[in-house]
Structures are given as C-alpha cells and as structure tokens.
C-alpha cells in the first residue's frame, strides 16, 4: 500500500513519542480517508510502526551484567541495582539470572572434573533447581545433560578407585597373613631342631600371637585407612 509523502510524514510525527493521541489519530484518519485508505488500514499501519519502534528500543537496551546507570555489577536474580536502585525489566532480569546460574553450574562442573570436589551432591541439587526454575530453557537443558554425564563419569571413576582400594587392602592383608605363616613356620622349625616338638609348638604359638598383635595395633590401621 503506497502512502503519500504527506501521510508518511504525519505518521512519523504522530508515533515519534511512542503514543498516538486521539487528536493525532483523527488527523491521520481524515488524511487517509482523502487518499482512499480506510480507518482499519491506517490503524494497522500505525500499530506496525509503534511495534517497530518498541523493538528498536528493546535492541538498544544494554546488557544488565553491569548497571547501565552507575556501572555496578548486578547480582544474579536481582531486580534492582544494589548501588543506585536502577530497576531492571523482568525479561532482562530473567536472562541475567539464567546466565548467572549457568556460570555457577559450569564452575562447579569444572571443579568436579578436576577432582577438586569429592561429592557431586551440590551439582545434583543445582540440577534439580535448574529443572524447576529454567526447565524450558534449551541452554540450561543442554548444560544439565552435560553435567549429568559428568556426574555419571565421576561416580564410575570413584567406584573404580574404591574397587582398587579394596583390592589393595585385600592384597596387603593377605601379605600380612602369609608373613605370619612364614614367620611362625620358621620359628617352629628352628625351635624343633634345637629343643624338640613341644617347645617348637610353644614358640610358634608365641610367634602367631606376636604377629596378630602387631597387625591389630599397627598394620590394621595403616592398611585399612582411606
């Protein structure tokens, strides 16, 4: 639909402040009618121009990681600047909260991968929170899947280390048992050759008791410690 230059200029002047007054609308209706354009058609054009202006204003808005008024860092989930009181609109506040939440999750995941966190309990709690608060956000969903995979690998690694630890404990305990048997046997043979079987059995019993006491008071704690 071609509009005359005069009508175009009238529309621009009327929507310049983002609001159409009744007087401005009547003038536009009159000019549009003279050009054979209905009131409904001119309403559609006006609303379209207003929407374009609103979209342009939204794109110009600065990110709210820092306050656009005073430059203060705005905490996640905050609706106002803690320094100057600047009010963040709901959409920007939500986006900023999502970014802050994701950064925190990524940092915790990095600690887990680097072996600086023994338990993934905090991440599991953050996953539940993320699903409850931002479950429809595709970026949060993707990050949660990555974290769940990281937690699964961490648990597998911890289970592997626990199996290896238990295997080492079993090996060391068997070594103590074999050492006790060998030591007792040597004591028995030596005593048997020198003093006969009765004395040999007594010496072997003493050797076994001594080995058991050494295990109970020294080796057990060292072998079974985590």
Protein backbone atom coordinates (compact mmCIF):
# COMPACT_ATOMS: atom_id res chain seq x y z
CA UNK A 1 0.00 0.00 0.00
CA UNK A 2 1.56 3.24 -1.18
CA UNK A 3 1.17 6.22 1.14
CA UNK A 4 1.64 9.77 0.12
CA UNK A 5 4.66 11.68 1.36
CA UNK A 6 2.44 13.92 3.47
CA UNK A 7 0.69 10.96 5.15
CA UNK A 8 4.03 9.26 5.80
CA UNK A 9 5.36 12.38 7.50
CA UNK A 10 2.19 12.69 9.59
CA UNK A 11 2.50 9.08 10.76
CA UNK A 12 6.18 9.55 11.65
CA UNK A 13 5.42 12.69 13.62
CA UNK A 14 2.50 11.05 15.42
CA UNK A 15 4.38 7.92 16.54
CA UNK A 16 7.62 9.74 17.38
CA UNK A 17 6.84 9.79 21.10
CA UNK A 18 5.54 6.20 21.09
CA UNK A 19 1.94 7.26 21.81
CA UNK A 20 -0.94 8.19 19.47
CA UNK A 21 -3.33 10.78 20.89
CA UNK A 22 -6.97 10.97 19.86
CA UNK A 23 -6.32 14.23 18.03
CA UNK A 24 -3.40 12.72 16.07
CA UNK A 25 -5.48 9.67 15.21
CA UNK A 26 -8.37 11.84 13.90
CA UNK A 27 -5.98 13.84 11.70
CA UNK A 28 -4.50 10.60 10.30
CA UNK A 29 -7.97 9.16 9.67
CA UNK A 30 -9.00 12.30 7.78
CA UNK A 31 -5.86 12.34 5.61
CA UNK A 32 -6.06 8.57 4.98
CA UNK A 33 -9.74 8.84 4.00
CA UNK A 34 -8.87 11.57 1.49
CA UNK A 35 -6.38 9.15 -0.08
CA UNK A 36 -8.89 6.29 -0.16
CA UNK A 37 -7.41 4.40 2.82
CA UNK A 38 -9.83 3.04 5.44
CA UNK A 39 -9.53 3.66 9.19
CA UNK A 40 -8.80 -0.06 9.78
CA UNK A 41 -5.94 0.02 7.32
CA UNK A 42 -4.38 3.10 8.85
CA UNK A 43 -4.75 1.53 12.33
CA UNK A 44 -2.76 -1.48 11.15
CA UNK A 45 -0.02 0.77 9.76
CA UNK A 46 0.12 2.81 12.98
CA UNK A 47 0.35 -0.28 15.20
CA UNK A 48 3.06 -1.70 12.96
CA UNK A 49 5.14 1.48 13.24
CA UNK A 50 4.70 1.55 17.02
CA UNK A 51 5.80 -2.08 17.26
CA UNK A 52 8.88 -1.36 15.14
CA UNK A 53 9.82 1.48 17.47
CA UNK A 54 9.34 -0.72 20.53
CA UNK A 55 11.51 -3.49 19.04
CA UNK A 56 14.23 -0.99 18.17
CA UNK A 57 14.20 0.35 21.73
CA UNK A 58 14.46 -3.18 23.14
CA UNK A 59 17.51 -3.89 20.97
CA UNK A 60 19.20 -0.72 22.20
CA UNK A 61 18.89 -1.71 25.85
CA UNK A 62 22.29 -2.58 27.37
CA UNK A 63 23.06 -5.93 28.95
CA UNK A 64 22.38 -5.88 32.64
CA UNK A 65 25.52 -7.63 33.84
CA UNK A 66 26.53 -4.12 34.80
CA UNK A 67 24.12 -1.36 35.74
CA UNK A 68 23.61 0.97 32.72
CA UNK A 69 23.35 3.93 35.09
CA UNK A 70 26.26 3.55 37.52
CA UNK A 71 28.19 0.56 36.14
CA UNK A 72 27.82 -1.50 39.33
CA UNK A 73 27.82 -5.30 38.95
CA UNK A 74 24.24 -6.53 39.43
CA UNK A 75 23.93 -9.87 41.29
CA UNK A 76 22.04 -12.74 39.67
CA UNK A 77 18.32 -12.87 40.46
CA UNK A 78 18.38 -9.18 41.47
CA UNK A 79 15.66 -6.90 40.09
CA UNK A 80 17.41 -3.65 41.01
CA UNK A 81 20.94 -2.26 41.08
CA UNK A 82 22.27 -2.51 44.67
CA UNK A 83 24.15 0.76 44.24
CA UNK A 84 21.76 3.21 42.56
CA UNK A 85 18.43 1.36 42.61
CA UNK A 86 18.06 1.14 38.82
CA UNK A 87 15.15 -1.21 38.08
CA UNK A 88 15.82 -4.00 35.60
CA UNK A 89 12.87 -5.05 33.49
CA UNK A 90 11.57 -8.57 34.06
CA UNK A 91 12.85 -10.01 30.79
CA UNK A 92 16.42 -8.79 31.24
CA UNK A 93 16.39 -9.83 34.90
CA UNK A 94 15.36 -13.36 33.96
CA UNK A 95 18.03 -13.63 31.24
CA UNK A 96 20.70 -12.34 33.60
CA UNK A 97 19.60 -14.81 36.26
CA UNK A 98 19.87 -17.68 33.78
CA UNK A 99 23.37 -16.61 32.74
CA UNK A 100 24.50 -16.31 36.35
CA UNK A 101 23.03 -19.71 37.21
CA UNK A 102 24.73 -21.36 34.23
CA UNK A 103 28.09 -19.81 35.09
CA UNK A 104 27.82 -21.16 38.63
CA UNK A 105 26.93 -24.64 37.36
CA UNK A 106 29.79 -24.63 34.84
CA UNK A 107 32.26 -23.60 37.55
CA UNK A 108 31.10 -26.40 39.84
CA UNK A 109 31.31 -28.90 36.96
CA UNK A 110 34.90 -27.81 36.26
CA UNK A 111 35.83 -28.42 39.90
CA UNK A 112 34.29 -31.88 39.71
CA UNK A 113 36.17 -32.75 36.52
CA UNK A 114 39.46 -31.55 38.01
CA UNK A 115 38.99 -33.80 41.04
CA UNK A 116 38.63 -30.88 43.45
CA UNK A 117 35.16 -31.98 44.57
CA UNK A 118 34.69 -35.43 46.08
CA UNK A 119 30.89 -35.44 46.09
CA UNK A 120 28.58 -34.24 43.28
CA UNK A 121 25.80 -33.52 45.80
CA UNK A 122 25.91 -29.75 45.18
CA UNK A 123 25.67 -30.22 41.43
CA UNK A 124 22.79 -32.65 41.83
CA UNK A 125 20.98 -30.01 43.89
CA UNK A 126 21.68 -27.39 41.22
CA UNK A 127 20.30 -29.74 38.57
CA UNK A 128 17.04 -30.04 40.49
CA UNK A 129 16.92 -26.24 40.88
CA UNK A 130 17.68 -25.69 37.20
CA UNK A 131 14.93 -28.06 36.09
CA UNK A 132 12.45 -26.38 38.42
CA UNK A 133 13.33 -22.76 37.51
CA UNK A 134 14.63 -22.90 33.94
CA UNK A 135 13.47 -26.30 32.67
CA UNK A 136 12.19 -24.80 29.39
CA UNK A 137 15.46 -23.01 28.58
CA UNK A 138 17.32 -25.03 25.87
CA UNK A 139 20.77 -23.84 27.02
CA UNK A 140 20.06 -24.89 30.59
CA UNK A 141 18.76 -28.25 29.35
CA UNK A 142 21.94 -28.86 27.34
CA UNK A 143 24.13 -27.90 30.31
CA UNK A 144 22.16 -30.17 32.66
CA UNK A 145 22.68 -33.11 30.26
CA UNK A 146 26.41 -32.35 30.18
CA UNK A 147 26.55 -32.17 33.97
CA UNK A 148 24.58 -35.41 34.39
CA UNK A 149 27.07 -37.10 32.06
CA UNK A 150 29.95 -35.63 34.11
CA UNK A 151 28.40 -36.85 37.37
CA UNK A 152 27.92 -40.35 35.92
CA UNK A 153 31.59 -40.47 34.84
CA UNK A 154 32.68 -39.14 38.24
CA UNK A 155 30.71 -41.85 40.03
CA UNK A 156 32.19 -44.52 37.77
CA UNK A 157 35.67 -43.21 38.50
CA UNK A 158 35.00 -43.15 42.24
CA UNK A 159 33.64 -46.71 42.13
CA UNK A 160 36.74 -47.82 40.21
CA UNK A 161 39.03 -46.18 42.78
CA UNK A 162 37.06 -47.81 45.61
CA UNK A 163 37.43 -51.24 44.00
CA UNK A 164 41.15 -50.67 43.56
CA UNK A 165 41.44 -49.52 47.18
CA UNK A 166 39.66 -52.62 48.46
CA UNK A 167 41.81 -54.82 46.23
CA UNK A 168 44.94 -53.22 47.69
CA UNK A 169 43.63 -53.74 51.24
CA UNK A 170 42.92 -57.41 50.49
CA UNK A 171 46.38 -57.81 48.98
CA UNK A 172 48.09 -56.23 51.98
CA UNK A 173 46.05 -58.29 54.44
CA UNK A 174 46.95 -61.46 52.58
CA UNK A 175 50.58 -60.35 52.70
CA UNK A 176 50.34 -59.99 56.47
CA UNK A 177 48.76 -63.44 56.73
CA UNK A 178 51.45 -65.04 54.57
CA UNK A 179 54.14 -63.22 56.55
CA UNK A 180 52.63 -64.53 59.80
CA UNK A 181 52.56 -68.08 58.46
CA UNK A 182 56.12 -67.91 57.13
CA UNK A 183 57.49 -66.31 60.32
CA UNK A 184 55.69 -68.80 62.56
CA UNK A 185 56.87 -71.71 60.42
CA UNK A 186 60.47 -70.55 60.61
CA UNK A 187 60.22 -70.16 64.39
CA UNK A 188 58.68 -73.65 64.64
CA UNK A 189 61.38 -75.26 62.50
CA UNK A 190 64.20 -73.52 64.35
CA UNK A 191 62.81 -74.45 67.77
CA UNK A 192 62.03 -78.00 66.69
CA UNK A 193 65.59 -78.57 65.60
CA UNK A 194 67.01 -77.17 68.84
CA UNK A 195 64.51 -78.06 71.58
CA UNK A 196 62.03 -80.60 70.22
CA UNK A 197 58.36 -80.52 69.21
CA UNK A 198 56.81 -79.37 72.49
CA UNK A 199 58.98 -76.30 72.73
CA UNK A 200 58.58 -75.68 69.00
CA UNK A 201 54.77 -75.52 69.27
CA UNK A 202 55.01 -73.04 72.13
CA UNK A 203 57.41 -70.84 70.20
CA UNK A 204 55.19 -70.99 67.11
CA UNK A 205 52.13 -70.03 69.20
CA UNK A 206 54.03 -67.08 70.63
CA UNK A 207 55.09 -66.04 67.14
CA UNK A 208 51.49 -66.16 65.91
CA UNK A 209 50.25 -64.10 68.88
CA UNK A 210 53.04 -61.57 68.34
CA UNK A 211 52.16 -61.24 64.65
CA UNK A 212 48.46 -60.82 65.44
CA UNK A 213 49.20 -58.12 68.00
CA UNK A 214 51.46 -56.31 65.56
CA UNK A 215 48.70 -56.46 62.95
CA UNK A 216 46.00 -55.30 65.37
CA UNK A 217 47.92 -52.35 66.79
CA UNK A 218 49.89 -51.21 63.77
CA UNK A 219 49.27 -52.81 60.39
CA UNK A 220 45.46 -52.88 60.55
CA UNK A 221 45.17 -49.09 60.89
CA UNK A 222 47.71 -48.42 58.15
CA UNK A 223 46.26 -50.96 55.73
CA UNK A 224 42.58 -50.12 56.17
CA UNK A 225 42.81 -46.34 56.30
CA UNK A 226 41.11 -44.50 53.41
